[in-house]
C-alpha atoms as a PDB file:
ATOM      1  CA  MET A   1     -23.389  87.463 210.106  1.00  0.00           C
ATOM      2  CA  ASN A   2     -26.119  89.195 210.287  1.00  0.00           C
ATOM      3  CA  VAL A   3     -29.438  86.272 209.673  1.00  0.00           C
ATOM      4  CA  ASN A   4     -32.660  87.170 208.076  1.00  0.00           C
ATOM      5  CA  ALA A   5     -36.175  85.871 207.607  1.00  0.00           C
ATOM      6  CA  PRO A   6     -37.416  84.446 204.119  1.00  0.00           C
ATOM      7  CA  LYS A   7     -39.508  85.660 202.200  1.00  0.00           C
ATOM      8  CA  GLN A   8     -43.402  84.044 202.726  1.00  0.00           C
ATOM      9  CA  ILE A   9     -42.435  82.646 199.541  1.00  0.00           C
ATOM     10  CA  THR A  10     -38.843  81.263 200.198  1.00  0.00           C
ATOM     11  CA  PHE A  11     -40.747  79.116 202.706  1.00  0.00           C
ATOM     12  CA  LEU A  12     -44.147  77.590 200.930  1.00  0.00           C
ATOM     13  CA  ILE A  13     -41.170  76.710 197.881  1.00  0.00           C
ATOM     14  CA  SER A  14     -39.430  74.224 200.533  1.00  0.00           C
ATOM     15  CA  LEU A  15     -41.316  73.729 202.205  1.00  0.00           C
ATOM     16  CA  VAL A  16     -43.795  71.751 200.059  1.00  0.00           C
ATOM     17  CA  ILE A  17     -40.143  70.662 198.878  1.00  0.00           C
ATOM     18  CA  ALA A  18     -39.712  68.914 202.450  1.00  0.00           C
ATOM     19  CA  ILE A  19     -43.004  67.925 202.563  1.00  0.00           C
ATOM     20  CA  LEU A  20     -43.101  66.088 199.416  1.00  0.00           C
ATOM     21  CA  ALA A  21     -39.693  63.995 200.556  1.00  0.00           C
ATOM     22  CA  VAL A  22     -41.219  62.911 203.411  1.00  0.00           C
ATOM     23  CA  VAL A  23     -44.182  61.889 201.720  1.00  0.00           C
ATOM     24  CA  GLY A  24     -41.849  60.154 198.926  1.00  0.00           C
ATOM     25  CA  MET A  25     -40.513  58.049 201.374  1.00  0.00           C
ATOM     26  CA  PHE A  26     -44.095  56.837 202.068  1.00  0.00           C
ATOM     27  CA  VAL A  27     -45.076  56.980 199.036  1.00  0.00           C
ATOM     28  CA  ASN A  28     -44.164  56.335 195.587  1.00  0.00           C
ATOM     29  CA  ILE A  29     -43.675  59.673 194.217  1.00  0.00           C
ATOM     30  CA  PRO A  30     -41.929  59.396 190.405  1.00  0.00           C
ATOM     31  CA  VAL A  31     -39.164  61.720 191.075  1.00  0.00           C
ATOM     32  CA  VAL A  32     -38.815  62.264 194.886  1.00  0.00           C
ATOM     33  CA  SER A  33     -39.761  59.022 195.461  1.00  0.00           C
ATOM     34  CA  GLY A  34     -35.812  57.880 194.060  1.00  0.00           C
ATOM     35  CA  ASN A  35     -34.228  61.133 195.802  1.00  0.00           C
ATOM     36  CA  ALA A  36     -36.368  61.863 198.688  1.00  0.00           C
ATOM     37  CA  ALA A  37     -32.697  62.416 200.892  1.00  0.00           C
ATOM     38  CA  TRP A  38     -31.198  64.352 198.847  1.00  0.00           C
ATOM     39  CA  ALA A  39     -35.260  66.168 197.825  1.00  0.00           C
ATOM     40  CA  ALA A  40     -34.543  66.980 201.726  1.00  0.00           C
ATOM     41  CA  ILE A  41     -31.301  68.802 201.525  1.00  0.00           C
ATOM     42  CA  VAL A  42     -32.136  70.891 198.371  1.00  0.00           C
ATOM     43  CA  ALA A  43     -35.214  72.057 200.487  1.00  0.00           C
ATOM     44  CA  TYR A  44     -33.050  72.656 203.811  1.00  0.00           C
ATOM     45  CA  ILE A  45     -30.154  74.552 201.827  1.00  0.00           C
ATOM     46  CA  ILE A  46     -33.471  76.824 199.801  1.00  0.00           C
ATOM     47  CA  LEU A  47     -34.817  77.790 203.437  1.00  0.00           C
ATOM     48  CA  ALA A  48     -30.832  78.648 204.444  1.00  0.00           C
ATOM     49  CA  ALA A  49     -30.317  80.536 201.227  1.00  0.00           C
ATOM     50  CA  GLY A  50     -33.354  81.886 202.006  1.00  0.00           C
ATOM     51  CA  CYS A  51     -32.266  83.155 205.474  1.00  0.00           C
ATOM     52  CA  LEU A  52     -28.484  84.310 204.850  1.00  0.00           C
ATOM     53  CA  LEU A  53     -28.820  86.429 201.442  1.00  0.00           C
ATOM     54  CA  PRO A  54     -30.824  89.606 202.134  1.00  0.00           C
ATOM     55  CA  GLY A  55     -33.457  89.585 199.336  1.00  0.00           C
ATOM     56  CA  LEU A  56     -34.414  85.630 199.244  1.00  0.00           C
END
């Protein structure tokens, strides 16, 4: 299995979603607060896809 570094935009999107998930646990953000755990999982999946799929 070859692992590649994700593109910068993929990393930044994942980072923003992960930060929103963490902040959403402490501050009421309408969409994120109720689904903070799922948002963190989505951020990880995006980052993992960026590492495993070439060109993403």
